[in-house]
Each structure stands twice: as structure tokens, then as C-alpha cells.
Amino acid sequence: MTTIFNLSISAKATLNLHSLNNEGGEGNQTQTRMVNIVDETGRLHNVNAISGDMLKHMQAEHLYRIS
């Protein structure tokens, strides 16, 4: 019986993704939507955000699937 010492697997995947947090483009760069939040200790943090339109889209898609 032959012992396998090495195994290689190759695959190709196609992903259909949404851009959840892009705010706009400038030249060949895309600017992400950023918001400021305050944590429980009162410190300010600048974080990525998802637009309200995308939340509405995700909710409508979810309701469509469960109906």
C-alpha cells in the first residue's frame, strides 16, 4: 500500500457579492462609508458602516425567502 505524503486540491469559485459599504468613487479608488461611534467608556472610534439602502435590500430579500 502506498502512503500519501502530500495532497493538493485546486478549485474555482464564483461569488456574487454586494458592495455593502461603498460611498463613492474618486478616480480608480473607492471610498468606504465611515461613521463615528462612542464606546461604553466614552472613547470615539471611526468604523465602517452599511448604508440604510443596503439594510432595506437585505430585509426585503430575507422576507421574500421566508414568505
PDB file of N, CA and C in Angstrom:
ATOM      1  N   MET A   1       0.842  -1.182   0.000  1.00  0.00           N
ATOM      2  CA  MET A   1       0.000   0.000   0.000  1.00  0.00           C
ATOM      3  C   MET A   1       0.886   1.244   0.000  1.00  0.00           C
ATOM      4  N   THR A   2       0.547   2.223  -0.841  1.00  0.00           N
ATOM      5  CA  THR A   2       1.331   3.445  -0.969  1.00  0.00           C
ATOM      6  C   THR A   2       0.861   4.473   0.052  1.00  0.00           C
ATOM      7  N   THR A   3       1.794   5.113   0.740  1.00  0.00           N
ATOM      8  CA  THR A   3       1.470   6.167   1.697  1.00  0.00           C
ATOM      9  C   THR A   3       1.484   7.513   0.992  1.00  0.00           C
ATOM     10  N   ILE A   4       0.439   8.300   1.211  1.00  0.00           N
ATOM     11  CA  ILE A   4       0.364   9.637   0.609  1.00  0.00           C
ATOM     12  C   ILE A   4       1.031  10.626   1.559  1.00  0.00           C
ATOM     13  N   PHE A   5       2.037  11.336   1.054  1.00  0.00           N
ATOM     14  CA  PHE A   5       2.744  12.321   1.856  1.00  0.00           C
ATOM     15  C   PHE A   5       2.263  13.738   1.597  1.00  0.00           C
ATOM     16  N   ASN A   6       1.661  13.964   0.448  1.00  0.00           N
ATOM     17  CA  ASN A   6       1.257  15.315   0.071  1.00  0.00           C
ATOM     18  C   ASN A   6       0.002  15.222  -0.785  1.00  0.00           C
ATOM     19  N   LEU A   7      -0.951  16.125  -0.574  1.00  0.00           N
ATOM     20  CA  LEU A   7      -2.183  16.150  -1.350  1.00  0.00           C
ATOM     21  C   LEU A   7      -2.484  17.592  -1.724  1.00  0.00           C
ATOM     22  N   SER A   8      -2.708  17.853  -3.001  1.00  0.00           N
ATOM     23  CA  SER A   8      -3.038  19.198  -3.480  1.00  0.00           C
ATOM     24  C   SER A   8      -4.425  19.178  -4.099  1.00  0.00           C
ATOM     25  N   ILE A   9      -5.222  20.187  -3.777  1.00  0.00           N
ATOM     26  CA  ILE A   9      -6.569  20.322  -4.329  1.00  0.00           C
ATOM     27  C   ILE A   9      -6.687  21.708  -4.934  1.00  0.00           C
ATOM     28  N   SER A  10      -7.247  21.777  -6.129  1.00  0.00           N
ATOM     29  CA  SER A  10      -7.441  23.052  -6.808  1.00  0.00           C
ATOM     30  C   SER A  10      -8.927  23.224  -7.091  1.00  0.00           C
ATOM     31  N   ALA A  11      -9.434  24.459  -6.905  1.00  0.00           N
ATOM     32  CA  ALA A  11     -10.858  24.721  -7.133  1.00  0.00           C
ATOM     33  C   ALA A  11     -11.038  26.140  -7.647  1.00  0.00           C
ATOM     34  N   LYS A  12     -12.159  26.351  -8.295  1.00  0.00           N
ATOM     35  CA  LYS A  12     -12.518  27.680  -8.776  1.00  0.00           C
ATOM     36  C   LYS A  12     -13.903  28.002  -8.228  1.00  0.00           C
ATOM     37  N   ALA A  13     -14.070  29.183  -7.634  1.00  0.00           N
ATOM     38  CA  ALA A  13     -15.350  29.586  -7.055  1.00  0.00           C
ATOM     39  C   ALA A  13     -15.800  30.899  -7.671  1.00  0.00           C
ATOM     40  N   THR A  14     -17.078  30.997  -7.939  1.00  0.00           N
ATOM     41  CA  THR A  14     -17.673  32.239  -8.418  1.00  0.00           C
ATOM     42  C   THR A  14     -18.546  32.792  -7.305  1.00  0.00           C
ATOM     43  N   LEU A  15     -18.271  34.017  -6.877  1.00  0.00           N
ATOM     44  CA  LEU A  15     -19.017  34.635  -5.786  1.00  0.00           C
ATOM     45  C   LEU A  15     -19.841  35.797  -6.317  1.00  0.00           C
ATOM     46  N   ASN A  16     -21.082  35.899  -5.869  1.00  0.00           N
ATOM     47  CA  ASN A  16     -21.958  37.003  -6.221  1.00  0.00           C
ATOM     48  C   ASN A  16     -22.116  37.851  -4.961  1.00  0.00           C
ATOM     49  N   LEU A  17     -21.377  38.949  -4.870  1.00  0.00           N
ATOM     50  CA  LEU A  17     -21.324  39.744  -3.648  1.00  0.00           C
ATOM     51  C   LEU A  17     -21.875  41.140  -3.869  1.00  0.00           C
ATOM     52  N   HIS A  18     -22.364  41.737  -2.803  1.00  0.00           N
ATOM     53  CA  HIS A  18     -22.817  43.123  -2.821  1.00  0.00           C
ATOM     54  C   HIS A  18     -21.741  44.003  -2.202  1.00  0.00           C
ATOM     55  N   SER A  19     -21.688  45.226  -2.624  1.00  0.00           N
ATOM     56  CA  SER A  19     -20.809  46.209  -2.007  1.00  0.00           C
ATOM     57  C   SER A  19     -21.626  46.912  -0.930  1.00  0.00           C
ATOM     58  N   LEU A  20     -21.435  46.515   0.320  1.00  0.00           N
ATOM     59  CA  LEU A  20     -22.304  46.986   1.397  1.00  0.00           C
ATOM     60  C   LEU A  20     -21.939  48.359   1.931  1.00  0.00           C
ATOM     61  N   ASN A  21     -20.708  48.769   1.788  1.00  0.00           N
ATOM     62  CA  ASN A  21     -20.312  49.989   2.478  1.00  0.00           C
ATOM     63  C   ASN A  21     -19.598  51.005   1.606  1.00  0.00           C
ATOM     64  N   ASN A  22     -19.719  50.911   0.284  1.00  0.00           N
ATOM     65  CA  ASN A  22     -19.060  51.899  -0.569  1.00  0.00           C
ATOM     66  C   ASN A  22     -19.888  53.166  -0.648  1.00  0.00           C
ATOM     67  N   GLU A  23     -19.232  54.286  -0.491  1.00  0.00           N
ATOM     68  CA  GLU A  23     -19.924  55.570  -0.510  1.00  0.00           C
ATOM     69  C   GLU A  23     -19.744  56.284  -1.833  1.00  0.00           C
ATOM     70  N   GLY A  24     -18.623  56.131  -2.454  1.00  0.00           N
ATOM     71  CA  GLY A  24     -18.392  56.811  -3.719  1.00  0.00           C
ATOM     72  C   GLY A  24     -17.027  56.472  -4.265  1.00  0.00           C
ATOM     73  N   GLY A  25     -16.802  56.907  -5.478  1.00  0.00           N
ATOM     74  CA  GLY A  25     -15.523  56.654  -6.102  1.00  0.00           C
ATOM     75  C   GLY A  25     -14.850  57.949  -6.499  1.00  0.00           C
ATOM     76  N   GLU A  26     -13.550  57.924  -6.444  1.00  0.00           N
ATOM     77  CA  GLU A  26     -12.760  59.080  -6.849  1.00  0.00           C
ATOM     78  C   GLU A  26     -11.591  58.555  -7.658  1.00  0.00           C
ATOM     79  N   GLY A  27     -11.660  58.738  -8.983  1.00  0.00           N
ATOM     80  CA  GLY A  27     -10.627  58.159  -9.837  1.00  0.00           C
ATOM     81  C   GLY A  27     -10.777  56.656  -9.856  1.00  0.00           C
ATOM     82  N   ASN A  28      -9.710  55.945  -9.552  1.00  0.00           N
ATOM     83  CA  ASN A  28      -9.791  54.487  -9.516  1.00  0.00           C
ATOM     84  C   ASN A  28      -9.855  53.956  -8.087  1.00  0.00           C
ATOM     85  N   GLN A  29     -10.181  54.809  -7.131  1.00  0.00           N
ATOM     86  CA  GLN A  29     -10.290  54.394  -5.734  1.00  0.00           C
ATOM     87  C   GLN A  29     -11.732  54.517  -5.270  1.00  0.00           C
ATOM     88  N   THR A  30     -12.153  53.597  -4.441  1.00  0.00           N
ATOM     89  CA  THR A  30     -13.496  53.624  -3.881  1.00  0.00           C
ATOM     90  C   THR A  30     -13.413  54.025  -2.419  1.00  0.00           C
ATOM     91  N   GLN A  31     -14.230  54.985  -2.026  1.00  0.00           N
ATOM     92  CA  GLN A  31     -14.246  55.436  -0.638  1.00  0.00           C
ATOM     93  C   GLN A  31     -15.287  54.628   0.130  1.00  0.00           C
ATOM     94  N   THR A  32     -14.903  54.115   1.278  1.00  0.00           N
ATOM     95  CA  THR A  32     -15.849  53.361   2.096  1.00  0.00           C
ATOM     96  C   THR A  32     -16.623  54.298   3.006  1.00  0.00           C
ATOM     97  N   ARG A  33     -17.834  53.889   3.346  1.00  0.00           N
ATOM     98  CA  ARG A  33     -18.685  54.673   4.245  1.00  0.00           C
ATOM     99  C   ARG A  33     -18.150  54.517   5.669  1.00  0.00           C
ATOM    100  N   MET A  34     -17.859  55.621   6.310  1.00  0.00           N
ATOM    101  CA  MET A  34     -17.317  55.605   7.667  1.00  0.00           C
ATOM    102  C   MET A  34     -18.212  56.429   8.585  1.00  0.00           C
ATOM    103  N   VAL A  35     -18.373  55.969   9.828  1.00  0.00           N
ATOM    104  CA  VAL A  35     -19.138  56.710  10.831  1.00  0.00           C
ATOM    105  C   VAL A  35     -18.345  56.724  12.134  1.00  0.00           C
ATOM    106  N   ASN A  36     -18.659  57.684  12.979  1.00  0.00           N
ATOM    107  CA  ASN A  36     -18.051  57.756  14.308  1.00  0.00           C
ATOM    108  C   ASN A  36     -19.013  57.170  15.324  1.00  0.00           C
ATOM    109  N   ILE A  37     -18.497  56.305  16.198  1.00  0.00           N
ATOM    110  CA  ILE A  37     -19.305  55.757  17.283  1.00  0.00           C
ATOM    111  C   ILE A  37     -18.580  56.000  18.604  1.00  0.00           C
ATOM    112  N   VAL A  38     -19.336  55.978  19.679  1.00  0.00           N
ATOM    113  CA  VAL A  38     -18.779  56.156  21.018  1.00  0.00           C
ATOM    114  C   VAL A  38     -18.956  54.842  21.763  1.00  0.00           C
ATOM    115  N   ASP A  39     -17.870  54.308  22.331  1.00  0.00           N
ATOM    116  CA  ASP A  39     -17.976  53.045  23.060  1.00  0.00           C
ATOM    117  C   ASP A  39     -18.443  53.278  24.491  1.00  0.00           C
ATOM    118  N   GLU A  40     -18.521  52.196  25.276  1.00  0.00           N
ATOM    119  CA  GLU A  40     -19.055  52.284  26.643  1.00  0.00           C
ATOM    120  C   GLU A  40     -18.190  53.116  27.579  1.00  0.00           C
ATOM    121  N   THR A  41     -16.920  53.342  27.220  1.00  0.00           N
ATOM    122  CA  THR A  41     -16.057  54.168  28.066  1.00  0.00           C
ATOM    123  C   THR A  41     -16.026  55.622  27.616  1.00  0.00           C
ATOM    124  N   GLY A  42     -16.764  55.948  26.537  1.00  0.00           N
ATOM    125  CA  GLY A  42     -16.822  57.321  26.057  1.00  0.00           C
ATOM    126  C   GLY A  42     -15.788  57.665  25.000  1.00  0.00           C
ATOM    127  N   ARG A  43     -15.008  56.677  24.553  1.00  0.00           N
ATOM    128  CA  ARG A  43     -14.000  56.931  23.517  1.00  0.00           C
ATOM    129  C   ARG A  43     -14.634  56.895  22.137  1.00  0.00           C
ATOM    130  N   LEU A  44     -14.152  57.762  21.247  1.00  0.00           N
ATOM    131  CA  LEU A  44     -14.663  57.874  19.888  1.00  0.00           C
ATOM    132  C   LEU A  44     -13.883  56.948  18.955  1.00  0.00           C
ATOM    133  N   HIS A  45     -14.611  56.198  18.109  1.00  0.00           N
ATOM    134  CA  HIS A  45     -13.995  55.295  17.136  1.00  0.00           C
ATOM    135  C   HIS A  45     -14.586  55.569  15.762  1.00  0.00           C
ATOM    136  N   ASN A  46     -13.754  55.540  14.722  1.00  0.00           N
ATOM    137  CA  ASN A  46     -14.197  55.688  13.343  1.00  0.00           C
ATOM    138  C   ASN A  46     -14.247  54.288  12.735  1.00  0.00           C
ATOM    139  N   VAL A  47     -15.451  53.832  12.340  1.00  0.00           N
ATOM    140  CA  VAL A  47     -15.633  52.457  11.877  1.00  0.00           C
ATOM    141  C   VAL A  47     -16.362  52.429  10.532  1.00  0.00           C
ATOM    142  N   ASN A  48     -16.285  51.298   9.836  1.00  0.00           N
ATOM    143  CA  ASN A  48     -17.029  51.094   8.595  1.00  0.00           C
ATOM    144  C   ASN A  48     -18.514  50.982   8.894  1.00  0.00           C
ATOM    145  N   ALA A  49     -19.355  51.392   7.929  1.00  0.00           N
ATOM    146  CA  ALA A  49     -20.805  51.349   8.112  1.00  0.00           C
ATOM    147  C   ALA A  49     -21.477  50.767   6.879  1.00  0.00           C
ATOM    148  N   ILE A  50     -22.697  50.274   7.061  1.00  0.00           N
ATOM    149  CA  ILE A  50     -23.536  49.783   5.968  1.00  0.00           C
ATOM    150  C   ILE A  50     -24.653  50.787   5.774  1.00  0.00           C
ATOM    151  N   SER A  51     -24.959  51.125   4.518  1.00  0.00           N
ATOM    152  CA  SER A  51     -25.983  52.131   4.246  1.00  0.00           C
ATOM    153  C   SER A  51     -27.374  51.603   4.574  1.00  0.00           C
ATOM    154  N   GLY A  52     -28.298  52.518   4.809  1.00  0.00           N
ATOM    155  CA  GLY A  52     -29.682  52.154   5.075  1.00  0.00           C
ATOM    156  C   GLY A  52     -30.327  51.465   3.892  1.00  0.00           C
ATOM    157  N   ASP A  53     -29.942  51.854   2.672  1.00  0.00           N
ATOM    158  CA  ASP A  53     -30.482  51.204   1.478  1.00  0.00           C
ATOM    159  C   ASP A  53     -30.094  49.730   1.438  1.00  0.00           C
ATOM    160  N   MET A  54     -28.876  49.410   1.827  1.00  0.00           N
ATOM    161  CA  MET A  54     -28.456  48.011   1.825  1.00  0.00           C
ATOM    162  C   MET A  54     -29.185  47.226   2.904  1.00  0.00           C
ATOM    163  N   LEU A  55     -29.425  47.835   4.077  1.00  0.00           N
ATOM    164  CA  LEU A  55     -30.190  47.149   5.118  1.00  0.00           C
ATOM    165  C   LEU A  55     -31.603  46.866   4.629  1.00  0.00           C
ATOM    166  N   LYS A  56     -32.203  47.834   3.933  1.00  0.00           N
ATOM    167  CA  LYS A  56     -33.548  47.655   3.381  1.00  0.00           C
ATOM    168  C   LYS A  56     -33.544  46.532   2.344  1.00  0.00           C
ATOM    169  N   HIS A  57     -32.524  46.487   1.502  1.00  0.00           N
ATOM    170  CA  HIS A  57     -32.409  45.444   0.488  1.00  0.00           C
ATOM    171  C   HIS A  57     -32.285  44.067   1.141  1.00  0.00           C
ATOM    172  N   MET A  58     -31.446  43.949   2.165  1.00  0.00           N
ATOM    173  CA  MET A  58     -31.250  42.663   2.835  1.00  0.00           C
ATOM    174  C   MET A  58     -32.528  42.210   3.532  1.00  0.00           C
ATOM    175  N   GLN A  59     -33.254  43.148   4.162  1.00  0.00           N
ATOM    176  CA  GLN A  59     -34.500  42.799   4.838  1.00  0.00           C
ATOM    177  C   GLN A  59     -35.543  42.322   3.825  1.00  0.00           C
ATOM    178  N   ALA A  60     -35.671  43.014   2.699  1.00  0.00           N
ATOM    179  CA  ALA A  60     -36.636  42.616   1.677  1.00  0.00           C
ATOM    180  C   ALA A  60     -36.303  41.237   1.111  1.00  0.00           C
ATOM    181  N   GLU A  61     -35.020  40.966   0.890  1.00  0.00           N
ATOM    182  CA  GLU A  61     -34.623  39.655   0.375  1.00  0.00           C
ATOM    183  C   GLU A  61     -34.928  38.559   1.385  1.00  0.00           C
ATOM    184  N   HIS A  62     -34.675  38.823   2.664  1.00  0.00           N
ATOM    185  CA  HIS A  62     -34.963  37.845   3.716  1.00  0.00           C
ATOM    186  C   HIS A  62     -36.465  37.577   3.805  1.00  0.00           C
ATOM    187  N   LEU A  63     -37.286  38.630   3.794  1.00  0.00           N
ATOM    188  CA  LEU A  63     -38.733  38.448   3.877  1.00  0.00           C
ATOM    189  C   LEU A  63     -39.264  37.692   2.662  1.00  0.00           C
ATOM    190  N   TYR A  64     -38.680  37.931   1.491  1.00  0.00           N
ATOM    191  CA  TYR A  64     -39.084  37.211   0.277  1.00  0.00           C
ATOM    192  C   TYR A  64     -38.811  35.715   0.424  1.00  0.00           C
ATOM    193  N   ARG A  65     -37.667  35.375   0.993  1.00  0.00           N
ATOM    194  CA  ARG A  65     -37.297  33.960   1.118  1.00  0.00           C
ATOM    195  C   ARG A  65     -38.158  33.219   2.132  1.00  0.00           C
ATOM    196  N   ILE A  66     -38.581  33.891   3.206  1.00  0.00           N
ATOM    197  CA  ILE A  66     -39.372  33.191   4.221  1.00  0.00           C
ATOM    198  C   ILE A  66     -40.865  33.224   3.930  1.00  0.00           C
ATOM    199  N   SER A  67     -41.292  34.002   2.934  1.00  0.00           N
ATOM    200  CA  SER A  67     -42.735  34.070   2.635  1.00  0.00           C
ATOM    201  C   SER A  67     -43.170  32.974   1.687  1.00  0.00           C
TER     202      SER A  67
END
